[in-house]
Amino acid sequence: MILILTSNTDPQSADYLQLMAHLAGLDGIKTRVHVERGAEQTLTEIYLIGNTKALDLGDMQSLPCVERVVRVSEEYRILGRHKDDPRPAHFEYNGVKFSQDTLNVFAGLCAVDNPEHVELMLKALKENGQVCTRMGAYKPRTSPYAFQGHGKNCLPYVFELAGKYGIKVIAMEITHESHLHEIRAALQQTGNPTGVMLQIGTRNTQNFELLKIVGRQQEFPVLLKRGFGITLDESLNAAEYLASEGNRNVVFGLRGMKTNMGDPHRNLVDFAHVPVVKRLTRMPVCIDPSHSAGTRAAGPDGIQDIMHVTAQGVIAGANMILVDFHPAPVKALVDGPQALLLKELPQFLEDVQIAREAYLKRLALQQRYQNV
């Protein structure tokens, strides 16, 4: 059960203290308080953990400071979409809104290789009206001998160039607690010219200690990628780990499933799960066509597979696209064969817009027939 308190409730007020004293007296019930501080108001939610079936909704609604009561009906207590749940499915970070209604494109380098390529990438994004990108500084690899990323050494110039070209949010994977500290230090060193969305990659989806650490900080939002060999339920519970520690600004990423049934693509594309995740949770949903298709191959129509699978995800209602581009894919240190060319960026963005318009038309059609 979730108690949603009236906005700007003072935790030192007599009503709040009376509420907490009452909750402390409930048999077998523990409480967890979550506070969301926005620009204009502070929202407080109290999660009642235990056997809450015997608690009467009317009685709980009448308690001091309580504006609304939500009875949790799904396993995903914090991020789940519950019956009569009025909580918003969006968050804003560094001027960019993330919700189940918006669409943001994060085109960029899977792995940072040198300042020249970073600048060429960011310059192309600015010229095409984009304010988000992906930049990999830390790269978990299957082989211990493969390039692991430049790490903290590349962060200062990546952040400075992002500020130069007006990039507001960089999606950047981390694999260890120390990476979080290095990113924070580099942002402070460069004067906070941009923002970072921490990415938990598919290999760390069930690294529960890392999830807890990332969840405890609320400075950076998180992109959690689905585990490539586990069920959707297991991956959604991984997102709950983040939220249960305090960070609810989570985007859920679909990046394909590892199985040879997906051949010749790198992974079996799972973008049909876009509406499923949106139905089960309040999280925005990201698609990663590059790591799903894993190839620049095109069909007889000349359209690349990456663009086809991107369109499939967008038409299904995706809210974020994480896609690999590179100024010189043959020189890329990671995943060059799947990276699109900078000259293909305008076509990609226009193709995305076509798919987005198709989704909005489908949505309008559904609403029109629903009202008949």
Protein backbone atom coordinates (compact mmCIF):
# COMPACT_ATOMS: atom_id res chain seq x y z
CA MET A 1 0.00 0.00 0.00
CA ILE A 2 1.22 3.50 -0.82
CA LEU A 3 0.16 6.65 1.02
CA ILE A 4 0.56 9.74 -1.14
CA LEU A 5 0.77 12.80 1.08
CA THR A 6 -0.35 16.32 0.29
CA SER A 7 2.36 18.30 -1.51
CA ASN A 8 4.99 20.12 0.56
CA THR A 9 4.17 18.17 3.70
CA ASP A 10 6.51 19.29 6.48
CA PRO A 11 8.14 16.24 8.17
CA GLN A 12 8.35 18.27 11.39
CA SER A 13 4.67 19.21 11.45
CA ALA A 14 2.32 17.87 14.12
CA ASP A 15 0.11 16.17 11.52
CA TYR A 16 3.04 14.33 9.95
CA LEU A 17 4.35 13.20 13.32
CA GLN A 18 0.85 12.03 14.26
CA LEU A 19 0.64 10.07 10.99
CA MET A 20 3.99 8.37 11.53
CA ALA A 21 3.11 7.52 15.12
CA HIS A 22 -0.10 5.85 13.92
CA LEU A 23 1.73 3.86 11.25
CA ALA A 24 4.35 2.74 13.76
CA GLY A 25 1.56 1.15 15.78
CA LEU A 26 0.28 -1.02 12.91
CA ASP A 27 0.99 -4.67 13.63
CA GLY A 28 3.38 -6.34 11.18
CA ILE A 29 3.70 -3.25 8.99
CA LYS A 30 6.97 -1.51 8.18
CA THR A 31 7.21 1.90 6.51
CA ARG A 32 9.55 3.33 3.91
CA VAL A 33 9.42 7.05 3.12
CA HIS A 34 10.26 8.35 -0.33
CA VAL A 35 10.64 12.09 -0.94
CA GLU A 36 10.71 13.63 -4.43
CA ARG A 37 11.91 17.24 -4.46
CA GLY A 38 10.91 19.16 -7.58
CA ALA A 39 11.48 22.75 -8.61
CA GLU A 40 8.14 23.92 -7.24
CA GLN A 41 6.98 21.29 -4.77
CA THR A 42 8.05 18.36 -2.63
CA LEU A 43 6.11 15.12 -2.87
CA THR A 44 6.20 12.49 -0.13
CA GLU A 45 5.09 8.88 -0.47
CA ILE A 46 5.02 6.33 2.33
CA TYR A 47 5.22 2.66 1.40
CA LEU A 48 3.56 0.26 3.83
CA ILE A 49 5.37 -3.07 3.64
CA GLY A 50 3.78 -6.22 5.04
CA ASN A 51 0.27 -7.71 5.09
CA THR A 52 -1.81 -4.63 4.24
CA LYS A 53 -4.92 -6.48 3.06
CA ALA A 54 -6.68 -5.88 6.37
CA LEU A 55 -6.13 -2.12 6.20
CA ASP A 56 -9.24 -0.22 5.13
CA LEU A 57 -8.66 2.27 2.31
CA GLY A 58 -11.15 4.74 3.79
CA ASP A 59 -9.47 4.65 7.19
CA MET A 60 -6.03 5.19 5.66
CA GLN A 61 -7.37 8.00 3.46
CA SER A 62 -8.64 9.84 6.54
CA LEU A 63 -5.23 9.96 8.24
CA PRO A 64 -3.49 13.34 8.62
CA CYS A 65 -1.54 14.58 5.57
CA VAL A 66 -2.79 11.74 3.35
CA GLU A 67 -4.10 12.89 -0.02
CA ARG A 68 -4.54 9.52 -1.74
CA VAL A 69 -4.07 5.82 -1.06
CA VAL A 70 -2.96 3.28 -3.67
CA ARG A 71 -3.28 -0.43 -2.99
CA VAL A 72 -0.37 -2.17 -4.68
CA SER A 73 -1.71 -4.86 -6.99
CA GLU A 74 1.45 -5.86 -8.85
CA GLU A 75 4.85 -7.22 -7.89
CA TYR A 76 6.68 -4.08 -8.99
CA ARG A 77 5.70 -2.02 -5.99
CA ILE A 78 7.37 1.29 -6.75
CA LEU A 79 7.68 1.39 -10.54
CA GLY A 80 4.60 -0.73 -11.26
CA ARG A 81 1.39 0.58 -12.79
CA HIS A 82 -1.25 -0.09 -10.16
CA LYS A 83 -5.02 0.27 -10.26
CA ASP A 84 -6.20 3.83 -9.58
CA ASP A 85 -2.56 4.96 -9.42
CA PRO A 86 -2.36 8.71 -10.16
CA ARG A 87 1.40 9.06 -9.93
CA PRO A 88 3.01 10.54 -13.07
CA ALA A 89 5.02 8.40 -15.48
CA HIS A 90 7.68 11.00 -16.22
CA PHE A 91 10.71 12.82 -14.91
CA GLU A 92 12.79 15.74 -16.13
CA TYR A 93 16.56 15.87 -16.09
CA ASN A 94 18.75 18.78 -17.19
CA GLY A 95 15.90 20.23 -19.25
CA VAL A 96 14.99 16.98 -21.03
CA LYS A 97 11.69 15.24 -20.27
CA PHE A 98 11.48 11.46 -20.12
CA SER A 99 8.04 9.87 -20.08
CA GLN A 100 5.90 7.20 -21.70
CA ASP A 101 4.68 9.88 -24.13
CA THR A 102 7.97 11.47 -25.25
CA LEU A 103 10.69 10.29 -27.65
CA ASN A 104 14.39 11.15 -27.27
CA VAL A 105 17.18 10.00 -29.58
CA PHE A 106 20.59 9.16 -28.09
CA ALA A 107 22.87 8.73 -31.10
CA GLY A 108 26.59 8.53 -30.47
CA LEU A 109 29.74 6.51 -30.00
CA CYS A 110 29.44 3.06 -28.46
CA ALA A 111 32.99 3.62 -27.23
CA VAL A 112 34.92 6.89 -27.04
CA ASP A 113 38.17 6.54 -28.98
CA ASN A 114 39.60 10.06 -29.42
CA PRO A 115 38.60 13.73 -29.03
CA GLU A 116 38.40 14.26 -32.81
CA HIS A 117 35.71 11.61 -33.29
CA VAL A 118 33.80 12.82 -30.23
CA GLU A 119 33.73 16.37 -31.59
CA LEU A 120 32.68 15.28 -35.08
CA MET A 121 29.83 13.26 -33.55
CA LEU A 122 28.60 16.05 -31.30
CA LYS A 123 28.88 18.65 -34.04
CA ALA A 124 26.70 16.48 -36.30
CA LEU A 125 24.13 16.10 -33.52
CA LYS A 126 23.93 19.86 -32.97
CA GLU A 127 23.54 20.48 -36.70
CA ASN A 128 20.59 18.08 -36.67
CA GLY A 129 18.90 19.58 -33.62
CA GLN A 130 19.77 16.85 -31.12
CA VAL A 131 20.56 17.43 -27.44
CA CYS A 132 21.23 13.87 -26.26
CA THR A 133 23.95 11.35 -27.07
CA ARG A 134 25.61 8.13 -25.98
CA MET A 135 29.32 8.01 -25.16
CA GLY A 136 30.97 4.87 -23.81
CA ALA A 137 33.91 5.47 -21.46
CA TYR A 138 33.72 2.14 -19.62
CA LYS A 139 33.22 -0.94 -21.80
CA PRO A 140 32.63 -4.42 -20.36
CA ARG A 141 33.88 -6.93 -22.93
CA THR A 142 33.59 -10.67 -23.35
CA SER A 143 37.35 -11.02 -23.91
CA PRO A 144 39.77 -9.70 -21.26
CA TYR A 145 42.09 -8.68 -24.10
CA ALA A 146 39.57 -6.47 -25.90
CA PHE A 147 39.49 -2.67 -25.54
CA GLN A 148 37.85 -1.81 -22.21
CA GLY A 149 37.34 1.91 -22.79
CA HIS A 150 39.45 4.95 -21.87
CA GLY A 151 37.62 5.33 -18.55
CA LYS A 152 38.11 8.48 -16.50
CA ASN A 153 40.85 9.75 -18.83
CA CYS A 154 38.35 10.67 -21.55
CA LEU A 155 35.65 12.14 -19.32
CA PRO A 156 36.93 15.76 -19.17
CA TYR A 157 37.10 16.26 -22.93
CA VAL A 158 33.84 14.40 -23.52
CA PHE A 159 32.01 16.65 -21.04
CA GLU A 160 33.67 19.85 -22.27
CA LEU A 161 32.80 19.07 -25.90
CA ALA A 162 29.25 18.18 -24.88
CA GLY A 163 28.91 21.61 -23.32
CA LYS A 164 30.38 23.25 -26.42
CA TYR A 165 27.76 21.66 -28.67
CA GLY A 166 24.76 22.00 -26.36
CA ILE A 167 24.38 18.35 -25.38
CA LYS A 168 22.17 18.11 -22.30
CA VAL A 169 22.26 14.38 -21.49
CA ILE A 170 24.91 11.71 -22.17
CA ALA A 171 24.02 8.04 -21.68
CA MET A 172 27.15 6.42 -20.25
CA GLU A 173 27.54 2.86 -18.99
CA ILE A 174 29.19 2.16 -15.66
CA THR A 175 30.26 -1.20 -14.30
CA HIS A 176 31.61 -0.29 -10.86
CA GLU A 177 30.92 2.10 -8.00
CA SER A 178 34.19 3.92 -8.70
CA HIS A 179 32.91 4.96 -12.14
CA LEU A 180 30.08 6.87 -10.50
CA HIS A 181 32.57 8.85 -8.42
CA GLU A 182 34.80 9.47 -11.46
CA ILE A 183 31.89 10.83 -13.50
CA ARG A 184 30.79 13.10 -10.68
CA ALA A 185 34.35 14.40 -10.20
CA ALA A 186 34.86 15.03 -13.94
CA LEU A 187 31.57 16.94 -14.20
CA GLN A 188 32.58 19.15 -11.28
CA GLN A 189 36.07 19.63 -12.74
CA THR A 190 34.63 20.84 -16.06
CA GLY A 191 31.95 23.05 -14.51
CA ASN A 192 28.97 20.72 -15.05
CA PRO A 193 28.57 21.53 -18.77
CA THR A 194 26.23 18.60 -19.40
CA GLY A 195 24.26 15.84 -17.69
CA VAL A 196 24.80 12.09 -17.47
CA MET A 197 22.32 9.22 -17.53
CA LEU A 198 23.99 6.24 -15.91
CA GLN A 199 23.59 3.09 -17.95
CA ILE A 200 23.48 -0.37 -16.38
CA GLY A 201 24.41 -2.76 -19.17
CA THR A 202 22.88 -6.14 -19.90
CA ARG A 203 25.72 -8.00 -18.16
CA ASN A 204 25.07 -6.11 -14.91
CA THR A 205 21.28 -6.29 -14.88
CA GLN A 206 21.49 -8.70 -11.94
CA ASN A 207 24.55 -7.19 -10.28
CA PHE A 208 22.42 -6.41 -7.25
CA GLU A 209 25.08 -4.60 -5.23
CA LEU A 210 25.77 -2.23 -8.15
CA LEU A 211 22.02 -1.68 -8.56
CA LYS A 212 21.74 -0.77 -4.87
CA ILE A 213 24.64 1.67 -5.07
CA VAL A 214 23.32 3.38 -8.18
CA GLY A 215 19.83 3.44 -6.70
CA ARG A 216 20.98 5.22 -3.56
CA GLN A 217 22.07 8.28 -5.51
CA GLN A 218 19.40 10.51 -7.03
CA GLU A 219 21.73 12.92 -8.83
CA PHE A 220 21.71 10.96 -12.10
CA PRO A 221 18.83 9.13 -13.82
CA VAL A 222 19.42 5.53 -14.88
CA LEU A 223 19.01 3.55 -18.08
CA LEU A 224 18.69 -0.13 -17.15
CA LYS A 225 19.12 -2.56 -20.02
CA ARG A 226 17.24 -5.83 -20.02
CA GLY A 227 19.41 -8.85 -19.26
CA PHE A 228 20.09 -10.68 -22.52
CA GLY A 229 19.50 -14.15 -21.09
CA ILE A 230 16.86 -13.68 -18.38
CA THR A 231 13.11 -13.18 -18.29
CA LEU A 232 11.41 -9.83 -18.59
CA ASP A 233 10.13 -10.23 -15.02
CA GLU A 234 13.66 -10.69 -13.70
CA SER A 235 14.81 -7.55 -15.51
CA LEU A 236 11.85 -5.50 -14.26
CA ASN A 237 12.67 -6.60 -10.72
CA ALA A 238 16.21 -5.33 -11.32
CA ALA A 239 14.66 -1.91 -12.00
CA GLU A 240 12.80 -2.24 -8.71
CA TYR A 241 16.15 -2.62 -6.96
CA LEU A 242 17.06 0.87 -8.18
CA ALA A 243 13.73 2.35 -7.16
CA SER A 244 13.62 0.60 -3.78
CA GLU A 245 16.90 2.32 -2.88
CA GLY A 246 15.46 5.74 -3.75
CA ASN A 247 16.07 6.45 -7.45
CA ARG A 248 12.85 6.24 -9.45
CA ASN A 249 14.16 8.13 -12.48
CA VAL A 250 14.63 4.93 -14.44
CA VAL A 251 14.32 4.19 -18.16
CA PHE A 252 14.00 0.53 -19.12
CA GLY A 253 16.03 -0.54 -22.16
CA LEU A 254 15.24 -3.34 -24.62
CA ARG A 255 18.37 -4.48 -26.46
CA GLY A 256 17.53 -7.91 -27.86
CA MET A 257 17.87 -11.42 -26.44
CA LYS A 258 20.85 -13.70 -26.90
CA THR A 259 19.79 -16.76 -28.90
CA ASN A 260 20.85 -18.23 -32.22
CA MET A 261 17.19 -18.06 -33.22
CA GLY A 262 17.90 -14.39 -33.90
CA ASP A 263 20.54 -15.17 -36.54
CA PRO A 264 21.78 -13.49 -38.66
CA HIS A 265 21.08 -10.55 -36.33
CA ARG A 266 23.29 -10.16 -33.30
CA ASN A 267 20.34 -10.71 -30.98
CA LEU A 268 16.67 -11.60 -31.27
CA VAL A 269 14.85 -8.27 -31.42
CA ASP A 270 12.42 -7.93 -28.50
CA PHE A 271 10.77 -4.62 -29.33
CA ALA A 272 7.29 -6.16 -29.18
CA HIS A 273 7.79 -5.83 -25.42
CA VAL A 274 7.69 -2.01 -25.60
CA PRO A 275 3.94 -1.84 -24.86
CA VAL A 276 4.25 -4.70 -22.35
CA VAL A 277 6.75 -2.78 -20.20
CA LYS A 278 4.61 0.36 -20.46
CA ARG A 279 1.56 -1.63 -19.37
CA LEU A 280 3.28 -3.25 -16.38
CA THR A 281 5.25 -0.21 -15.19
CA ARG A 282 5.39 3.58 -15.35
CA MET A 283 8.91 3.59 -16.82
CA PRO A 284 9.74 5.15 -20.20
CA VAL A 285 11.03 2.46 -22.58
CA CYS A 286 14.24 2.66 -24.59
CA ILE A 287 15.14 0.55 -27.62
CA ASP A 288 18.69 -0.26 -28.74
CA PRO A 289 18.52 -1.22 -32.43
CA SER A 290 22.31 -1.32 -32.85
CA HIS A 291 22.91 -4.11 -30.35
CA SER A 292 19.78 -5.92 -31.49
CA ALA A 293 20.52 -6.03 -35.21
CA GLY A 294 24.29 -5.68 -34.94
CA THR A 295 24.83 -5.09 -38.64
CA ARG A 296 24.70 -2.40 -41.31
CA ALA A 297 23.15 -4.85 -43.74
CA ALA A 298 20.20 -3.67 -45.84
CA GLY A 299 17.31 -5.47 -47.50
CA PRO A 300 16.36 -5.39 -51.19
CA ASP A 301 14.58 -2.10 -50.50
CA GLY A 302 17.91 -0.55 -49.54
CA ILE A 303 16.78 0.24 -45.98
CA GLN A 304 19.21 -0.94 -43.33
CA ASP A 305 18.04 -3.53 -40.79
CA ILE A 306 18.90 -1.10 -37.98
CA MET A 307 16.46 1.43 -39.40
CA HIS A 308 13.78 -1.22 -39.86
CA VAL A 309 13.99 -2.46 -36.26
CA THR A 310 14.14 1.13 -34.98
CA ALA A 311 10.89 1.87 -36.81
CA GLN A 312 9.31 -1.26 -35.31
CA GLY A 313 10.14 -0.08 -31.79
CA VAL A 314 9.02 3.50 -32.40
CA ILE A 315 5.73 2.41 -33.97
CA ALA A 316 5.19 0.29 -30.85
CA GLY A 317 5.54 3.41 -28.68
CA ALA A 318 9.23 3.55 -27.67
CA ASN A 319 10.29 6.65 -25.73
CA MET A 320 14.05 6.60 -26.24
CA ILE A 321 16.44 5.32 -28.90
CA LEU A 322 20.03 4.37 -28.11
CA VAL A 323 21.87 3.98 -31.41
CA ASP A 324 25.50 3.71 -32.54
CA PHE A 325 27.00 6.23 -34.95
CA HIS A 326 30.67 6.81 -35.75
CA PRO A 327 32.59 9.21 -38.03
CA ALA A 328 34.76 6.30 -39.25
CA PRO A 329 33.28 2.90 -38.32
CA VAL A 330 36.29 1.00 -39.73
CA LYS A 331 38.43 2.77 -37.11
CA ALA A 332 35.96 2.24 -34.23
CA LEU A 333 37.44 0.38 -31.27
CA VAL A 334 34.12 -1.25 -30.37
CA ASP A 335 31.19 -2.44 -32.56
CA GLY A 336 32.28 -0.63 -35.71
CA PRO A 337 30.38 -2.99 -38.06
CA GLN A 338 27.02 -1.93 -36.62
CA ALA A 339 27.66 1.83 -36.40
CA LEU A 340 25.82 4.13 -38.79
CA LEU A 341 27.67 6.90 -40.63
CA LEU A 342 27.35 10.56 -39.75
CA LYS A 343 26.03 11.28 -43.25
CA GLU A 344 23.20 8.82 -42.47
CA LEU A 345 22.10 10.75 -39.36
CA PRO A 346 19.61 13.05 -41.18
CA GLN A 347 17.96 10.06 -42.88
CA PHE A 348 17.83 8.13 -39.61
CA LEU A 349 16.19 11.02 -37.75
CA GLU A 350 13.68 11.60 -40.55
CA ASP A 351 12.87 7.89 -40.65
CA VAL A 352 12.31 7.96 -36.88
CA GLN A 353 9.93 10.91 -37.30
CA ILE A 354 7.93 8.99 -39.91
CA ALA A 355 7.59 6.06 -37.52
CA ARG A 356 6.67 8.36 -34.64
CA GLU A 357 3.94 10.00 -36.70
CA ALA A 358 2.64 6.55 -37.58
CA TYR A 359 2.48 5.67 -33.86
CA LEU A 360 0.62 8.89 -33.04
CA LYS A 361 -1.86 8.19 -35.87
CA ARG A 362 -2.40 4.67 -34.51
CA LEU A 363 -2.93 6.13 -31.04
CA ALA A 364 -5.49 8.62 -32.36
CA LEU A 365 -7.24 5.81 -34.24
CA GLN A 366 -7.47 3.72 -31.07
CA GLN A 367 -8.86 6.63 -29.08
CA ARG A 368 -11.43 7.41 -31.77
CA TYR A 369 -12.76 3.84 -31.89
CA GLN A 370 -12.59 3.54 -28.10
CA ASN A 371 -15.02 6.45 -27.82
CA VAL A 372 -17.52 5.02 -30.33
